[in-house]
């Protein structure tokens, strides 16, 4: 018989229990390779969690899967891109309330403020928004009835209408550029202690100290990575106003947005126009040599920890549980909404204006705050104005000049 035919037709052992036994053994005590592979997943989640919480001496982002991946990519960011903070993940712009200058936002903080606005807006803003939507709904019903009697009842309530402008001032009691701890901050501390508690079980049960050693070393590296001063420099990369300029700022997603957030600085707080530029867009971003070297050293330490963890043959489920708990905390921190004071920009509510027509809102804002409504005009009306609209703006401008003469 030819060798190849002999290979196919020779008797073989047939045992359907072999795969079952292998799978049962792996799930009863996962191999060390499973944990080391998981350490390489989810680096982008860790980066966002760090961006949320950095700013103080302690950054409680829990140890999780993905830290090794993040630490190695951070070397490229620090050495090649001259930065640690990630890019803003929410498109928006900031408008100078005096001259109408518009800047695209490059700041993580401002992007998250706009993204989370539905979470932290004052209840009076929410009420005014509901009123604007109802007014628009009634108008749409009347228009439908005028075209076809009886059709008004079929008009659905709009999800967006007009423009709502809220007014905020920097807090008198909380310092700008200093984050106020919130539930996201404390969750990292609680999670770290929980992880140490899980890691201590093998040590107390049979004297296996390897799990708690790896866990404690990983937590120490997490804290060291987040304690770099460079994070604070990049997160609040702007000047303070300190009375030198009473700028007003408008944060919005742009033309078609439901909300515009006005910050009346009164010469206090951070220069948000500077902040919107973004650290990465500066002509000469000032990342220190120490920050670059620290990123390299920490990345090397994480690789050493990866190699060390691969030697742990027993109690792998404890390591998986520790990493899983940390990953849940990282996902929670990276995606959860926060108030401005938790991002280092504490604000106090000052008022709200909103009408079912965007032009009506801007005219009302301009009548109260000179140049503020006009500064938003080019953003929300990028084409030519109608003659009647131009006339209304001209009348308003004349009234403002008369008031200045009277003063």
Protein backbone atom coordinates (compact mmCIF):
# COMPACT_ATOMS: atom_id res chain seq x y z
CA UNK A 1 0.00 0.00 0.00
CA UNK A 2 1.26 3.44 -0.88
CA UNK A 3 2.51 5.44 2.17
CA UNK A 4 -0.07 8.14 1.71
CA UNK A 5 -2.93 5.59 1.58
CA UNK A 6 -1.50 3.81 4.58
CA UNK A 7 -1.63 7.10 6.47
CA UNK A 8 -5.34 7.53 5.79
CA UNK A 9 -6.48 3.95 6.38
CA UNK A 10 -4.35 2.97 9.38
CA UNK A 11 -6.26 2.35 12.67
CA UNK A 12 -6.60 5.39 14.99
CA UNK A 13 -7.70 6.05 18.55
CA UNK A 14 -11.15 7.68 18.53
CA UNK A 15 -12.03 9.45 21.80
CA UNK A 16 -14.79 12.10 21.86
CA UNK A 17 -14.04 12.92 25.51
CA UNK A 18 -10.61 14.44 24.78
CA UNK A 19 -11.88 17.92 23.74
CA UNK A 20 -14.35 17.94 26.63
CA UNK A 21 -11.62 17.20 29.13
CA UNK A 22 -9.37 19.92 27.68
CA UNK A 23 -12.16 22.50 27.80
CA UNK A 24 -13.14 21.51 31.34
CA UNK A 25 -9.53 21.82 32.50
CA UNK A 26 -9.17 25.26 30.92
CA UNK A 27 -12.39 26.61 32.42
CA UNK A 28 -11.67 25.13 35.86
CA UNK A 29 -8.31 26.91 35.94
CA UNK A 30 -7.57 29.12 32.91
CA UNK A 31 -4.02 29.05 31.62
CA UNK A 32 -1.71 31.94 32.40
CA UNK A 33 -1.71 32.86 28.72
CA UNK A 34 -5.39 33.84 28.87
CA UNK A 35 -4.72 36.54 31.46
CA UNK A 36 -1.62 37.88 29.70
CA UNK A 37 -3.50 38.11 26.39
CA UNK A 38 -6.37 39.97 28.06
CA UNK A 39 -3.89 42.49 29.45
CA UNK A 40 -3.29 43.61 25.86
CA UNK A 41 -6.96 44.44 25.15
CA UNK A 42 -8.84 47.67 25.85
CA UNK A 43 -6.07 50.27 25.87
CA UNK A 44 -8.39 52.95 24.45
CA UNK A 45 -10.78 52.53 27.40
CA UNK A 46 -7.91 53.06 29.84
CA UNK A 47 -6.82 56.21 27.96
CA UNK A 48 -10.31 57.73 28.24
CA UNK A 49 -10.63 56.77 31.89
CA UNK A 50 -7.32 58.48 32.64
CA UNK A 51 -8.39 61.60 30.73
CA UNK A 52 -11.51 61.77 32.88
CA UNK A 53 -9.76 61.52 36.25
CA UNK A 54 -6.24 62.96 35.90
CA UNK A 55 -5.46 66.32 37.40
CA UNK A 56 -4.57 65.61 41.02
CA UNK A 57 -1.77 63.80 42.79
CA UNK A 58 -3.85 60.62 42.93
CA UNK A 59 -5.64 59.33 39.83
CA UNK A 60 -7.75 56.34 40.88
CA UNK A 61 -8.12 54.47 37.60
CA UNK A 62 -8.29 50.81 38.59
CA UNK A 63 -5.97 48.11 37.26
CA UNK A 64 -7.66 46.24 34.42
CA UNK A 65 -7.17 44.48 31.12
CA UNK A 66 -5.71 46.98 28.67
CA UNK A 67 -3.15 48.69 30.89
CA UNK A 68 -0.18 47.08 29.14
CA UNK A 69 -1.57 48.06 25.76
CA UNK A 70 -2.17 51.62 26.94
CA UNK A 71 1.26 51.98 28.59
CA UNK A 72 3.10 50.95 25.43
CA UNK A 73 1.01 53.27 23.23
CA UNK A 74 1.62 56.09 25.75
CA UNK A 75 5.32 55.87 24.92
CA UNK A 76 4.54 56.77 21.32
CA UNK A 77 2.23 59.59 22.43
CA UNK A 78 4.80 61.09 24.79
CA UNK A 79 7.87 60.68 22.59
CA UNK A 80 6.38 61.00 19.09
CA UNK A 81 3.28 63.19 19.56
CA UNK A 82 4.50 65.30 22.51
CA UNK A 83 1.33 64.74 24.55
CA UNK A 84 -0.44 62.40 26.93
CA UNK A 85 -4.08 63.59 26.83
CA UNK A 86 -6.28 62.06 24.10
CA UNK A 87 -8.08 64.20 21.53
CA UNK A 88 -11.52 65.63 22.22
CA UNK A 89 -14.16 63.03 21.42
CA UNK A 90 -17.08 65.46 20.96
CA UNK A 91 -17.16 67.93 18.05
CA UNK A 92 -18.10 71.44 19.12
CA UNK A 93 -16.87 75.01 18.87
CA UNK A 94 -16.32 78.02 21.12
CA UNK A 95 -17.32 81.54 20.15
CA UNK A 96 -15.80 84.73 21.53
CA UNK A 97 -18.82 86.65 22.83
CA UNK A 98 -17.35 90.02 21.88
CA UNK A 99 -15.90 89.70 18.38
CA UNK A 100 -17.59 86.51 17.14
CA UNK A 101 -14.32 84.64 16.56
CA UNK A 102 -15.05 80.91 16.27
CA UNK A 103 -12.62 78.13 17.18
CA UNK A 104 -13.05 74.42 16.71
CA UNK A 105 -12.60 72.69 20.03
CA UNK A 106 -9.51 70.58 20.73
CA UNK A 107 -9.96 70.29 24.50
CA UNK A 108 -11.11 67.05 26.10
CA UNK A 109 -12.73 69.00 28.96
CA UNK A 110 -14.84 71.33 26.79
CA UNK A 111 -15.88 68.45 24.55
CA UNK A 112 -17.11 66.45 27.55
CA UNK A 113 -18.93 69.48 28.96
CA UNK A 114 -20.91 69.79 25.73
CA UNK A 115 -21.46 66.02 25.46
CA UNK A 116 -22.75 65.78 29.05
CA UNK A 117 -24.85 68.97 29.01
CA UNK A 118 -28.14 67.08 29.25
CA UNK A 119 -26.81 65.59 32.48
CA UNK A 120 -25.67 68.76 34.26
CA UNK A 121 -27.97 71.47 32.88
CA UNK A 122 -30.08 73.35 35.43
CA UNK A 123 -33.70 72.27 35.75
CA UNK A 124 -34.78 75.73 34.55
CA UNK A 125 -32.94 75.13 31.27
CA UNK A 126 -34.77 71.83 30.88
CA UNK A 127 -38.11 73.50 31.59
CA UNK A 128 -37.43 76.28 29.09
CA UNK A 129 -36.46 73.72 26.46
CA UNK A 130 -39.72 71.83 26.98
CA UNK A 131 -41.63 75.12 26.65
CA UNK A 132 -39.86 75.93 23.36
CA UNK A 133 -40.64 72.48 21.98
CA UNK A 134 -44.31 72.79 22.98
CA UNK A 135 -44.55 76.26 21.41
CA UNK A 136 -43.10 74.92 18.18
CA UNK A 137 -45.47 71.97 18.29
CA UNK A 138 -48.48 74.26 18.61
CA UNK A 139 -47.20 76.36 15.71
CA UNK A 140 -46.75 73.27 13.53
CA UNK A 141 -50.31 72.18 14.36
CA UNK A 142 -51.71 75.57 13.34
CA UNK A 143 -49.77 75.49 10.07
CA UNK A 144 -51.06 71.99 9.32
CA UNK A 145 -54.66 73.03 10.15
CA UNK A 146 -54.41 76.03 7.85
CA UNK A 147 -53.40 73.78 4.97
CA UNK A 148 -55.78 70.90 5.72
CA UNK A 149 -58.43 71.19 8.45
CA UNK A 150 -58.27 68.30 10.90
CA UNK A 151 -54.65 67.39 10.15
CA UNK A 152 -53.23 69.17 13.18
CA UNK A 153 -53.86 66.18 15.44
CA UNK A 154 -51.49 64.09 13.30
CA UNK A 155 -48.51 66.42 13.77
CA UNK A 156 -45.92 64.80 16.03
CA UNK A 157 -44.09 66.72 18.74
CA UNK A 158 -40.64 67.89 17.51
CA UNK A 159 -37.51 66.60 19.20
CA UNK A 160 -35.68 69.87 18.55
CA UNK A 161 -36.78 73.42 17.84
CA UNK A 162 -35.44 76.95 18.05
CA UNK A 163 -32.48 77.73 20.29
CA UNK A 164 -32.07 77.72 24.07
CA UNK A 165 -29.22 79.82 25.46
CA UNK A 166 -28.21 79.29 29.09
CA UNK A 167 -25.98 81.65 31.03
CA UNK A 168 -23.37 80.60 33.55
CA UNK A 169 -20.70 82.33 35.64
CA UNK A 170 -17.48 80.94 37.16
CA UNK A 171 -18.02 79.77 40.73
CA UNK A 172 -17.03 82.08 43.58
CA UNK A 173 -16.50 79.17 45.98
CA UNK A 174 -14.69 76.54 43.89
CA UNK A 175 -11.28 76.96 42.29
CA UNK A 176 -10.99 76.74 38.50
CA UNK A 177 -8.44 74.24 37.20
CA UNK A 178 -8.94 71.92 40.16
CA UNK A 179 -11.27 68.94 39.79
CA UNK A 180 -13.87 68.27 42.48
CA UNK A 181 -14.00 64.54 43.40
CA UNK A 182 -17.22 62.80 42.38
CA UNK A 183 -18.54 59.24 42.23
CA UNK A 184 -16.19 58.38 39.35
CA UNK A 185 -13.19 59.41 41.45
CA UNK A 186 -14.24 57.43 44.52
CA UNK A 187 -15.16 54.38 42.45
CA UNK A 188 -11.49 53.88 41.58
CA UNK A 189 -10.41 53.87 45.23
CA UNK A 190 -13.18 51.43 46.22
CA UNK A 191 -12.37 49.17 43.26
CA UNK A 192 -8.65 49.06 44.11
CA UNK A 193 -9.39 47.95 47.68
CA UNK A 194 -11.83 45.36 46.34
CA UNK A 195 -9.15 44.02 44.00
CA UNK A 196 -6.66 43.74 46.85
CA UNK A 197 -9.30 41.88 48.87
CA UNK A 198 -9.85 39.38 46.04
CA UNK A 199 -6.09 38.97 45.59
CA UNK A 200 -5.60 38.21 49.29
CA UNK A 201 -7.85 35.13 49.16
CA UNK A 202 -5.21 32.74 47.68
CA UNK A 203 -2.64 34.10 50.13
CA UNK A 204 -4.88 33.51 53.15
CA UNK A 205 -6.11 30.17 51.88
CA UNK A 206 -2.88 28.39 50.96
CA UNK A 207 -0.07 30.94 51.21
CA UNK A 208 0.06 31.80 47.48
CA UNK A 209 1.25 35.43 47.60
CA UNK A 210 1.91 35.73 43.86
CA UNK A 211 -1.58 37.04 43.01
CA UNK A 212 -1.57 39.80 45.61
CA UNK A 213 1.99 40.70 44.61
CA UNK A 214 1.05 41.15 40.94
CA UNK A 215 -2.12 43.05 41.89
CA UNK A 216 -0.36 45.42 44.28
CA UNK A 217 2.42 46.07 41.74
CA UNK A 218 -0.16 46.78 39.01
CA UNK A 219 -2.11 49.22 41.22
CA UNK A 220 1.14 51.02 42.08
CA UNK A 221 1.95 51.37 38.37
CA UNK A 222 -1.57 52.69 37.68
CA UNK A 223 -1.17 55.37 40.33
CA UNK A 224 2.31 56.28 39.08
CA UNK A 225 1.06 56.62 35.49
CA UNK A 226 -1.72 58.99 36.50
CA UNK A 227 0.34 61.11 38.90
CA UNK A 228 2.57 62.68 36.25
CA UNK A 229 2.34 66.48 36.43
CA UNK A 230 2.23 66.59 32.63
CA UNK A 231 -1.40 65.48 32.76
CA UNK A 232 -2.41 68.64 34.65
CA UNK A 233 -0.42 70.84 32.24
CA UNK A 234 -2.23 69.37 29.23
CA UNK A 235 -5.70 69.07 30.72
CA UNK A 236 -5.86 72.78 31.61
CA UNK A 237 -3.53 74.13 28.93
CA UNK A 238 -4.68 77.75 29.09
CA UNK A 239 -4.19 81.06 30.85
CA UNK A 240 -6.29 82.30 33.74
CA UNK A 241 -8.25 85.49 33.25
CA UNK A 242 -7.53 86.91 36.74
CA UNK A 243 -9.33 90.19 36.02
CA UNK A 244 -7.23 91.06 32.97
CA UNK A 245 -10.07 90.40 30.52
CA UNK A 246 -13.84 90.08 30.94
CA UNK A 247 -14.34 87.69 28.07
CA UNK A 248 -17.62 85.93 27.39
CA UNK A 249 -17.61 82.49 25.79
CA UNK A 250 -20.24 80.49 23.92
CA UNK A 251 -19.99 76.70 23.75
CA UNK A 252 -22.17 74.96 21.17
CA UNK A 253 -22.21 72.08 18.72
CA UNK A 254 -22.74 74.63 15.96
CA UNK A 255 -25.45 75.45 13.43
CA UNK A 256 -28.56 73.39 14.13
CA UNK A 257 -27.80 72.78 17.80
CA UNK A 258 -30.57 72.98 20.39
CA UNK A 259 -28.40 74.57 23.06
CA UNK A 260 -25.74 77.24 23.40
CA UNK A 261 -23.86 77.52 26.70
CA UNK A 262 -22.73 81.05 27.55
CA UNK A 263 -20.05 81.58 30.21
CA UNK A 264 -19.98 85.16 31.48
CA UNK A 265 -16.45 85.19 32.89
CA UNK A 266 -16.47 88.58 34.68
CA UNK A 267 -12.68 88.34 34.52
CA UNK A 268 -12.57 85.12 36.56
CA UNK A 269 -11.73 81.50 35.86
CA UNK A 270 -9.98 79.97 32.87
CA UNK A 271 -9.58 81.47 29.41
CA UNK A 272 -11.74 78.94 27.59
CA UNK A 273 -10.77 80.31 24.20
CA UNK A 274 -7.19 79.35 25.01
CA UNK A 275 -8.32 75.98 26.32
CA UNK A 276 -10.24 75.20 23.13
CA UNK A 277 -7.04 75.48 21.12
CA UNK A 278 -5.95 72.17 22.60
CA UNK A 279 -2.48 71.26 23.82
CA UNK A 280 -1.65 69.35 20.65
CA UNK A 281 -2.34 72.40 18.45
CA UNK A 282 0.17 74.63 20.19
CA UNK A 283 3.13 75.59 18.02
CA UNK A 284 5.56 74.30 20.64
CA UNK A 285 3.82 71.90 23.08
CA UNK A 286 5.89 71.86 26.25
CA UNK A 287 6.09 68.22 27.27
CA UNK A 288 8.98 67.75 29.67
CA UNK A 289 11.89 65.36 29.29
CA UNK A 290 10.91 63.85 32.64
CA UNK A 291 7.39 63.05 31.35
CA UNK A 292 8.82 61.35 28.28
CA UNK A 293 11.32 59.30 30.28
CA UNK A 294 8.64 58.40 32.83
CA UNK A 295 6.37 57.12 30.06
CA UNK A 296 9.19 54.94 28.72
CA UNK A 297 10.12 53.57 32.17
CA UNK A 298 6.51 52.87 33.10
CA UNK A 299 5.91 51.13 29.77
CA UNK A 300 8.95 48.92 30.43
CA UNK A 301 7.65 48.14 33.95
CA UNK A 302 4.27 47.10 32.55
CA UNK A 303 6.00 44.70 30.15
CA UNK A 304 7.93 43.21 33.09
CA UNK A 305 4.63 42.78 34.94
CA UNK A 306 3.15 41.06 31.87
CA UNK A 307 6.06 38.60 31.80
CA UNK A 308 5.77 38.01 35.56
CA UNK A 309 2.03 37.35 35.40
CA UNK A 310 2.57 34.74 32.69
CA UNK A 311 4.44 32.62 35.26
CA UNK A 312 1.38 32.28 37.52
CA UNK A 313 0.10 28.79 36.86
CA UNK A 314 -2.46 28.52 39.67
CA UNK A 315 -5.36 30.68 40.86
CA UNK A 316 -5.82 32.25 37.42
CA UNK A 317 -9.51 32.82 38.10
CA UNK A 318 -8.61 35.31 40.81
CA UNK A 319 -6.52 37.32 38.36
CA UNK A 320 -9.35 37.19 35.82
CA UNK A 321 -11.81 38.45 38.44
CA UNK A 322 -9.45 41.27 39.46
CA UNK A 323 -8.98 42.35 35.85
CA UNK A 324 -12.71 42.06 35.13
CA UNK A 325 -13.69 44.23 38.11
CA UNK A 326 -11.12 46.82 37.03
CA UNK A 327 -12.36 46.79 33.44
CA UNK A 328 -15.92 47.46 34.60
CA UNK A 329 -14.68 50.47 36.58
CA UNK A 330 -12.67 51.74 33.59
CA UNK A 331 -15.68 51.48 31.27
CA UNK A 332 -17.86 53.24 33.85
CA UNK A 333 -15.35 56.09 34.23
CA UNK A 334 -14.61 56.46 30.52
CA UNK A 335 -18.25 56.79 29.49
CA UNK A 336 -20.16 58.23 32.45
CA UNK A 337 -21.36 61.84 32.47
CA UNK A 338 -19.79 64.41 34.80
CA UNK A 339 -20.53 67.92 36.03
CA UNK A 340 -18.23 70.82 35.03
CA UNK A 341 -16.71 71.13 38.53
CA UNK A 342 -15.52 67.52 38.28
CA UNK A 343 -13.65 68.61 35.12
CA UNK A 344 -12.12 71.65 36.81
CA UNK A 345 -14.52 74.30 35.46
CA UNK A 346 -16.99 75.03 38.28
CA UNK A 347 -19.98 77.10 37.12
CA UNK A 348 -23.02 78.75 38.72
CA UNK A 349 -26.31 79.08 36.84
CA UNK A 350 -27.25 82.67 35.94
CA UNK A 351 -30.24 82.49 33.58
CA UNK A 352 -31.79 81.10 30.40
CA UNK A 353 -33.43 82.42 27.23
CA UNK A 354 -35.13 80.44 24.49
CA UNK A 355 -37.61 80.95 21.68
CA UNK A 356 -39.10 78.69 19.04
CA UNK A 357 -37.26 80.68 16.37
CA UNK A 358 -33.45 80.85 16.49
CA UNK A 359 -33.43 84.47 15.26
CA UNK A 360 -35.80 85.50 18.05
CA UNK A 361 -33.49 83.96 20.64
CA UNK A 362 -30.41 85.73 19.26
CA UNK A 363 -32.19 89.10 19.18
CA UNK A 364 -33.32 88.61 22.77
CA UNK A 365 -29.77 87.71 23.86
CA UNK A 366 -28.37 90.76 22.05
CA UNK A 367 -30.87 93.05 23.76
CA UNK A 368 -29.57 91.91 27.15
CA UNK A 369 -25.87 91.40 26.38
CA UNK A 370 -24.39 93.67 23.73
CA UNK A 371 -22.42 91.87 20.99
CA UNK A 372 -23.20 88.44 22.47
CA UNK A 373 -26.17 87.65 20.26
CA UNK A 374 -24.47 89.21 17.23
CA UNK A 375 -21.36 87.07 17.85
CA UNK A 376 -23.48 83.92 17.42
CA UNK A 377 -25.22 85.18 14.30
CA UNK A 378 -22.64 83.93 11.79
CA UNK A 379 -22.58 80.48 13.40
CA UNK A 380 -26.35 79.92 13.33
CA UNK A 381 -27.07 81.92 10.14
CA UNK A 382 -24.22 81.38 7.72
CA UNK A 383 -26.05 82.83 4.72
CA UNK A 384 -27.44 86.30 4.05
CA UNK A 385 -30.15 87.64 6.31
CA UNK A 386 -33.52 88.73 4.97
CA UNK A 387 -34.18 92.47 4.69
CA UNK A 388 -36.60 92.48 7.62
CA UNK A 389 -34.04 90.64 9.79
CA UNK A 390 -31.32 93.12 8.87
CA UNK A 391 -33.65 95.97 9.77
CA UNK A 392 -34.33 94.49 13.23
CA UNK A 393 -30.61 94.15 13.93
CA UNK A 394 -30.01 97.70 12.75
CA UNK A 395 -32.74 99.01 15.06
CA UNK A 396 -31.24 97.09 17.97
CA UNK A 397 -27.79 98.50 17.19
CA UNK A 398 -29.21 102.01 17.17
CA UNK A 399 -30.86 101.47 20.56
CA UNK A 400 -27.54 100.26 21.99
CA UNK A 401 -25.77 103.39 20.72
CA UNK A 402 -28.45 105.59 22.27
CA UNK A 403 -27.98 103.87 25.62
CA UNK A 404 -24.21 104.38 25.42
CA UNK A 405 -24.72 108.11 24.74
CA UNK A 406 -27.12 108.38 27.66
CA UNK A 407 -24.65 106.66 29.95
